[in-house]
Amino acid sequence: MEDLKPVIAKNIVELRKLTNLTQAELAGKLHYTDKAVSKWERAESVPDISVLKELAVLFGVTVDYLLESEHPRKAAGSSKQKRRNRLIIILLSVCFVFMVATLLFVGYNIFKTPFQHSWLLYVYAVPVASLVVLVLNSVWGHRRWVTNCVILSVLMWSLLLSLYMSFLSRNLWLLFILGIPGQAMLLLWQNLKIRHR
């Protein structure tokens, strides 16, 4: 029987790179240190069976896949297809948010007295779309620090802009000062490294 350490190491490296994760990001998802992941990838040690199961779920493969040296080509292609489909679903969701804003805009202007600020529906669609993207990103397990930080920044600043534009007559420019500590917190959160074990 062949030694499983190099086989598992090769599979972890390939799957990690295929999903665009760094060793530190993978370690964070598994609640291990990046040193532990590095040892697995250099075939110095093997993750225990519960971690192999977590890896299989995370990468969308079976535990057997992690233990096999030869894989059918279908697995890599299906992972790329899955990522492509998820991107299309995110884009469709964002388009849906703006479609709802357009329907409300048109409906309001056709059936009601035209409201001079009905264009604000599109401004409010931006934070709603950001929230949808954040939820989908989290549901699919793509909790990458940088990605979520960018999405949260867009959400925060677009929400502040929406509120400001809704009440232009009151000169609420001070709302944007709220964004400064909020952005600082997001940047600090992005650089926070949580290490367990």
C-alpha atoms as a PDB file:
ATOM      1  CA  MET A   1       0.000   0.000   0.000  1.00  0.00           C
ATOM      2  CA  GLU A   2       1.344   3.411  -0.961  1.00  0.00           C
ATOM      3  CA  ASP A   3       2.200   6.036   1.638  1.00  0.00           C
ATOM      4  CA  LEU A   4      -0.820   8.325   1.996  1.00  0.00           C
ATOM      5  CA  LYS A   5       1.047  11.386   3.280  1.00  0.00           C
ATOM      6  CA  PRO A   6       2.305  12.602  -0.119  1.00  0.00           C
ATOM      7  CA  VAL A   7      -1.019  11.766  -1.791  1.00  0.00           C
ATOM      8  CA  ILE A   8      -3.029  13.729   0.768  1.00  0.00           C
ATOM      9  CA  ALA A   9      -0.488  16.569   0.634  1.00  0.00           C
ATOM     10  CA  LYS A  10      -0.721  16.814  -3.176  1.00  0.00           C
ATOM     11  CA  ASN A  11      -4.516  16.781  -3.073  1.00  0.00           C
ATOM     12  CA  ILE A  12      -4.747  19.468  -0.371  1.00  0.00           C
ATOM     13  CA  VAL A  13      -2.352  21.735  -2.286  1.00  0.00           C
ATOM     14  CA  GLU A  14      -4.236  21.264  -5.579  1.00  0.00           C
ATOM     15  CA  LEU A  15      -7.668  21.831  -4.052  1.00  0.00           C
ATOM     16  CA  ARG A  16      -6.510  24.814  -2.010  1.00  0.00           C
ATOM     17  CA  LYS A  17      -5.015  26.477  -5.084  1.00  0.00           C
ATOM     18  CA  LEU A  18      -8.074  25.600  -7.165  1.00  0.00           C
ATOM     19  CA  THR A  19     -10.290  27.438  -4.671  1.00  0.00           C
ATOM     20  CA  ASN A  20      -7.864  30.404  -4.488  1.00  0.00           C
ATOM     21  CA  LEU A  21      -7.207  30.030  -0.773  1.00  0.00           C
ATOM     22  CA  THR A  22      -3.956  30.782   0.997  1.00  0.00           C
ATOM     23  CA  GLN A  23      -2.643  28.428   3.658  1.00  0.00           C
ATOM     24  CA  ALA A  24      -3.654  30.962   6.306  1.00  0.00           C
ATOM     25  CA  GLU A  25      -7.202  31.242   4.917  1.00  0.00           C
ATOM     26  CA  LEU A  26      -7.583  27.457   4.803  1.00  0.00           C
ATOM     27  CA  ALA A  27      -6.221  27.224   8.346  1.00  0.00           C
ATOM     28  CA  GLY A  28      -8.736  29.840   9.492  1.00  0.00           C
ATOM     29  CA  LYS A  29     -11.644  27.903   8.004  1.00  0.00           C
ATOM     30  CA  LEU A  30     -10.507  24.741   9.794  1.00  0.00           C
ATOM     31  CA  HIS A  31      -9.544  26.511  13.049  1.00  0.00           C
ATOM     32  CA  TYR A  32      -5.942  25.373  12.742  1.00  0.00           C
ATOM     33  CA  THR A  33      -2.727  27.318  12.336  1.00  0.00           C
ATOM     34  CA  ASP A  34      -1.150  27.912   8.951  1.00  0.00           C
ATOM     35  CA  LYS A  35       1.858  25.944  10.245  1.00  0.00           C
ATOM     36  CA  ALA A  36      -0.334  22.845  10.567  1.00  0.00           C
ATOM     37  CA  VAL A  37      -1.603  23.281   6.999  1.00  0.00           C
ATOM     38  CA  SER A  38       1.977  23.791   5.811  1.00  0.00           C
ATOM     39  CA  LYS A  39       3.017  20.498   7.465  1.00  0.00           C
ATOM     40  CA  TRP A  40       0.118  18.687   5.768  1.00  0.00           C
ATOM     41  CA  GLU A  41       1.106  20.124   2.388  1.00  0.00           C
ATOM     42  CA  ARG A  42       4.774  19.142   2.854  1.00  0.00           C
ATOM     43  CA  ALA A  43       3.651  15.607   3.809  1.00  0.00           C
ATOM     44  CA  GLU A  44       5.241  15.915   7.248  1.00  0.00           C
ATOM     45  CA  SER A  45       1.965  15.038   8.947  1.00  0.00           C
ATOM     46  CA  VAL A  46      -1.573  14.015   8.051  1.00  0.00           C
ATOM     47  CA  PRO A  47      -4.762  15.672   9.280  1.00  0.00           C
ATOM     48  CA  ASP A  48      -6.934  13.471  11.450  1.00  0.00           C
ATOM     49  CA  ILE A  49     -10.077  11.915   9.990  1.00  0.00           C
ATOM     50  CA  SER A  50     -12.437  14.641  11.245  1.00  0.00           C
ATOM     51  CA  VAL A  51     -10.286  17.292   9.535  1.00  0.00           C
ATOM     52  CA  LEU A  52     -10.186  15.217   6.343  1.00  0.00           C
ATOM     53  CA  LYS A  53     -13.993  15.206   6.433  1.00  0.00           C
ATOM     54  CA  GLU A  54     -14.026  19.013   6.934  1.00  0.00           C
ATOM     55  CA  LEU A  55     -11.600  19.411   4.025  1.00  0.00           C
ATOM     56  CA  ALA A  56     -13.768  17.224   1.806  1.00  0.00           C
ATOM     57  CA  VAL A  57     -16.878  19.275   2.619  1.00  0.00           C
ATOM     58  CA  LEU A  58     -14.996  22.559   2.172  1.00  0.00           C
ATOM     59  CA  PHE A  59     -13.629  21.583  -1.246  1.00  0.00           C
ATOM     60  CA  GLY A  60     -16.781  19.794  -2.411  1.00  0.00           C
ATOM     61  CA  VAL A  61     -15.140  16.383  -2.797  1.00  0.00           C
ATOM     62  CA  THR A  62     -15.313  13.066  -0.972  1.00  0.00           C
ATOM     63  CA  VAL A  63     -12.841  11.869   1.647  1.00  0.00           C
ATOM     64  CA  ASP A  64     -11.902   9.142  -0.855  1.00  0.00           C
ATOM     65  CA  TYR A  65     -10.895  11.869  -3.310  1.00  0.00           C
ATOM     66  CA  LEU A  66      -8.389  13.204  -0.763  1.00  0.00           C
ATOM     67  CA  LEU A  67      -6.906   9.704  -0.345  1.00  0.00           C
ATOM     68  CA  GLU A  68      -6.607   8.821  -4.053  1.00  0.00           C
ATOM     69  CA  SER A  69      -3.587   9.677  -6.171  1.00  0.00           C
ATOM     70  CA  GLU A  70      -5.481   9.510  -9.488  1.00  0.00           C
ATOM     71  CA  HIS A  71      -8.656  11.499 -10.110  1.00  0.00           C
ATOM     72  CA  PRO A  72     -11.028  11.671 -13.002  1.00  0.00           C
ATOM     73  CA  ARG A  73     -10.842  14.986 -14.879  1.00  0.00           C
ATOM     74  CA  LYS A  74     -14.484  15.629 -14.104  1.00  0.00           C
ATOM     75  CA  ALA A  75     -13.789  16.684 -10.491  1.00  0.00           C
ATOM     76  CA  ALA A  76     -11.616  19.709 -11.341  1.00  0.00           C
ATOM     77  CA  GLY A  77     -13.973  20.789 -14.116  1.00  0.00           C
ATOM     78  CA  SER A  78     -17.021  20.506 -11.894  1.00  0.00           C
ATOM     79  CA  SER A  79     -15.356  22.723  -9.280  1.00  0.00           C
ATOM     80  CA  LYS A  80     -14.680  25.401 -11.896  1.00  0.00           C
ATOM     81  CA  GLN A  81     -18.235  25.048 -13.172  1.00  0.00           C
ATOM     82  CA  LYS A  82     -19.567  25.364  -9.622  1.00  0.00           C
ATOM     83  CA  ARG A  83     -17.605  28.612  -9.098  1.00  0.00           C
ATOM     84  CA  ARG A  84     -18.815  29.924 -12.462  1.00  0.00           C
ATOM     85  CA  ASN A  85     -22.429  29.067 -11.598  1.00  0.00           C
ATOM     86  CA  ARG A  86     -22.125  30.793  -8.235  1.00  0.00           C
ATOM     87  CA  LEU A  87     -20.781  33.932  -9.904  1.00  0.00           C
ATOM     88  CA  ILE A  88     -23.692  33.874 -12.358  1.00  0.00           C
ATOM     89  CA  ILE A  89     -26.163  33.466  -9.470  1.00  0.00           C
ATOM     90  CA  ILE A  90     -24.610  36.453  -7.672  1.00  0.00           C
ATOM     91  CA  LEU A  91     -24.838  38.571 -10.836  1.00  0.00           C
ATOM     92  CA  LEU A  92     -28.433  37.462 -11.432  1.00  0.00           C
ATOM     93  CA  SER A  93     -29.303  38.384  -7.843  1.00  0.00           C
ATOM     94  CA  VAL A  94     -27.803  41.856  -8.235  1.00  0.00           C
ATOM     95  CA  CYS A  95     -29.672  42.294 -11.534  1.00  0.00           C
ATOM     96  CA  PHE A  96     -32.868  41.181  -9.781  1.00  0.00           C
ATOM     97  CA  VAL A  97     -32.417  43.864  -7.099  1.00  0.00           C
ATOM     98  CA  PHE A  98     -32.061  46.531  -9.785  1.00  0.00           C
ATOM     99  CA  MET A  99     -34.999  45.049 -11.710  1.00  0.00           C
ATOM    100  CA  VAL A 100     -37.185  45.440  -8.616  1.00  0.00           C
ATOM    101  CA  ALA A 101     -35.943  49.035  -8.239  1.00  0.00           C
ATOM    102  CA  THR A 102     -36.816  49.657 -11.907  1.00  0.00           C
ATOM    103  CA  LEU A 103     -40.283  48.118 -11.530  1.00  0.00           C
ATOM    104  CA  LEU A 104     -40.961  50.284  -8.491  1.00  0.00           C
ATOM    105  CA  PHE A 105     -39.651  53.368 -10.295  1.00  0.00           C
ATOM    106  CA  VAL A 106     -41.785  52.752 -13.401  1.00  0.00           C
ATOM    107  CA  GLY A 107     -44.856  51.691 -11.412  1.00  0.00           C
ATOM    108  CA  TYR A 108     -44.668  54.666  -9.123  1.00  0.00           C
ATOM    109  CA  ASN A 109     -44.282  57.103 -12.005  1.00  0.00           C
ATOM    110  CA  ILE A 110     -47.094  55.529 -14.057  1.00  0.00           C
ATOM    111  CA  PHE A 111     -49.727  54.930 -11.405  1.00  0.00           C
ATOM    112  CA  LYS A 112     -48.988  57.707  -8.923  1.00  0.00           C
ATOM    113  CA  THR A 113     -48.181  61.353  -9.248  1.00  0.00           C
ATOM    114  CA  PRO A 114     -44.559  61.443 -10.437  1.00  0.00           C
ATOM    115  CA  PHE A 115     -42.325  61.839  -7.427  1.00  0.00           C
ATOM    116  CA  GLN A 116     -39.294  63.985  -8.130  1.00  0.00           C
ATOM    117  CA  HIS A 117     -37.034  61.800  -5.946  1.00  0.00           C
ATOM    118  CA  SER A 118     -38.126  58.393  -7.233  1.00  0.00           C
ATOM    119  CA  TRP A 119     -34.609  57.950  -8.660  1.00  0.00           C
ATOM    120  CA  LEU A 120     -33.525  57.312  -5.049  1.00  0.00           C
ATOM    121  CA  LEU A 121     -34.828  53.776  -5.547  1.00  0.00           C
ATOM    122  CA  TYR A 122     -31.693  53.083  -7.581  1.00  0.00           C
ATOM    123  CA  VAL A 123     -29.481  54.603  -4.902  1.00  0.00           C
ATOM    124  CA  TYR A 124     -31.057  52.333  -2.273  1.00  0.00           C
ATOM    125  CA  ALA A 125     -30.642  49.348  -4.597  1.00  0.00           C
ATOM    126  CA  VAL A 126     -26.847  49.522  -4.143  1.00  0.00           C
ATOM    127  CA  PRO A 127     -26.767  48.695  -0.397  1.00  0.00           C
ATOM    128  CA  VAL A 128     -29.487  46.069  -0.904  1.00  0.00           C
ATOM    129  CA  ALA A 129     -27.446  44.449  -3.694  1.00  0.00           C
ATOM    130  CA  SER A 130     -24.335  44.576  -1.466  1.00  0.00           C
ATOM    131  CA  LEU A 131     -26.236  42.813   1.294  1.00  0.00           C
ATOM    132  CA  VAL A 132     -27.411  40.105  -1.122  1.00  0.00           C
ATOM    133  CA  VAL A 133     -23.823  39.538  -2.328  1.00  0.00           C
ATOM    134  CA  LEU A 134     -22.557  39.374   1.273  1.00  0.00           C
ATOM    135  CA  VAL A 135     -25.192  36.794   2.237  1.00  0.00           C
ATOM    136  CA  LEU A 136     -24.533  34.612  -0.827  1.00  0.00           C
ATOM    137  CA  ASN A 137     -20.779  34.885  -0.290  1.00  0.00           C
ATOM    138  CA  SER A 138     -21.172  33.739   3.314  1.00  0.00           C
ATOM    139  CA  VAL A 139     -23.674  30.967   2.550  1.00  0.00           C
ATOM    140  CA  TRP A 140     -21.279  29.399   0.057  1.00  0.00           C
ATOM    141  CA  GLY A 141     -18.437  29.485   2.557  1.00  0.00           C
ATOM    142  CA  HIS A 142     -16.347  32.113   0.781  1.00  0.00           C
ATOM    143  CA  ARG A 143     -15.598  34.103   3.876  1.00  0.00           C
ATOM    144  CA  ARG A 144     -12.372  35.542   2.555  1.00  0.00           C
ATOM    145  CA  TRP A 145     -11.317  38.537   4.610  1.00  0.00           C
ATOM    146  CA  VAL A 146     -10.593  40.834   1.685  1.00  0.00           C
ATOM    147  CA  THR A 147     -13.761  39.982  -0.231  1.00  0.00           C
ATOM    148  CA  ASN A 148     -16.041  40.493   2.752  1.00  0.00           C
ATOM    149  CA  CYS A 149     -14.234  43.696   3.726  1.00  0.00           C
ATOM    150  CA  VAL A 150     -14.822  45.154   0.254  1.00  0.00           C
ATOM    151  CA  ILE A 151     -18.482  44.094   0.239  1.00  0.00           C
ATOM    152  CA  LEU A 152     -19.046  45.532   3.732  1.00  0.00           C
ATOM    153  CA  SER A 153     -17.318  48.785   2.732  1.00  0.00           C
ATOM    154  CA  VAL A 154     -19.589  49.157  -0.293  1.00  0.00           C
ATOM    155  CA  LEU A 155     -22.601  48.358   1.893  1.00  0.00           C
ATOM    156  CA  MET A 156     -21.675  50.887   4.575  1.00  0.00           C
ATOM    157  CA  TRP A 157     -20.755  53.795   2.278  1.00  0.00           C
ATOM    158  CA  SER A 158     -23.703  53.264  -0.084  1.00  0.00           C
ATOM    159  CA  LEU A 159     -26.101  53.153   2.876  1.00  0.00           C
ATOM    160  CA  LEU A 160     -24.666  56.410   4.235  1.00  0.00           C
ATOM    161  CA  LEU A 161     -24.906  57.968   0.765  1.00  0.00           C
ATOM    162  CA  SER A 162     -28.513  56.792   0.431  1.00  0.00           C
ATOM    163  CA  LEU A 163     -29.477  58.350   3.752  1.00  0.00           C
ATOM    164  CA  TYR A 164     -27.675  61.571   2.878  1.00  0.00           C
ATOM    165  CA  MET A 165     -29.365  61.837  -0.521  1.00  0.00           C
ATOM    166  CA  SER A 166     -32.771  61.120   1.012  1.00  0.00           C
ATOM    167  CA  PHE A 167     -32.478  64.120   3.305  1.00  0.00           C
ATOM    168  CA  LEU A 168     -30.523  66.616   1.185  1.00  0.00           C
ATOM    169  CA  SER A 169     -32.574  69.503   2.506  1.00  0.00           C
ATOM    170  CA  ARG A 170     -31.320  68.862   6.046  1.00  0.00           C
ATOM    171  CA  ASN A 171     -27.625  68.974   5.095  1.00  0.00           C
ATOM    172  CA  LEU A 172     -26.679  65.735   6.829  1.00  0.00           C
ATOM    173  CA  TRP A 173     -23.118  65.580   5.485  1.00  0.00           C
ATOM    174  CA  LEU A 174     -21.974  64.676   9.007  1.00  0.00           C
ATOM    175  CA  LEU A 175     -23.345  61.172   8.345  1.00  0.00           C
ATOM    176  CA  PHE A 176     -20.172  60.464   6.379  1.00  0.00           C
ATOM    177  CA  ILE A 177     -18.112  60.956   9.532  1.00  0.00           C
ATOM    178  CA  LEU A 178     -19.750  57.741  10.797  1.00  0.00           C
ATOM    179  CA  GLY A 179     -18.097  55.927   7.912  1.00  0.00           C
ATOM    180  CA  ILE A 180     -14.578  56.794   9.065  1.00  0.00           C
ATOM    181  CA  PRO A 181     -14.530  54.684  12.249  1.00  0.00           C
ATOM    182  CA  GLY A 182     -16.623  52.069  10.455  1.00  0.00           C
ATOM    183  CA  GLN A 183     -14.036  51.796   7.679  1.00  0.00           C
ATOM    184  CA  ALA A 184     -11.213  51.711  10.232  1.00  0.00           C
ATOM    185  CA  MET A 185     -12.952  48.828  12.014  1.00  0.00           C
ATOM    186  CA  LEU A 186     -13.346  46.945   8.732  1.00  0.00           C
ATOM    187  CA  LEU A 187      -9.672  47.392   7.875  1.00  0.00           C
ATOM    188  CA  LEU A 188      -8.615  46.221  11.323  1.00  0.00           C
ATOM    189  CA  TRP A 189     -10.990  43.259  11.104  1.00  0.00           C
ATOM    190  CA  GLN A 190      -9.477  42.349   7.727  1.00  0.00           C
ATOM    191  CA  ASN A 191      -6.004  42.208   9.283  1.00  0.00           C
ATOM    192  CA  LEU A 192      -7.108  40.230  12.332  1.00  0.00           C
ATOM    193  CA  LYS A 193      -5.690  36.724  12.269  1.00  0.00           C
ATOM    194  CA  ILE A 194      -7.502  34.189  14.391  1.00  0.00           C
ATOM    195  CA  ARG A 195      -5.445  31.149  15.220  1.00  0.00           C
ATOM    196  CA  HIS A 196      -6.588  28.088  17.050  1.00  0.00           C
ATOM    197  CA  ARG A 197      -4.794  24.908  18.072  1.00  0.00           C
END
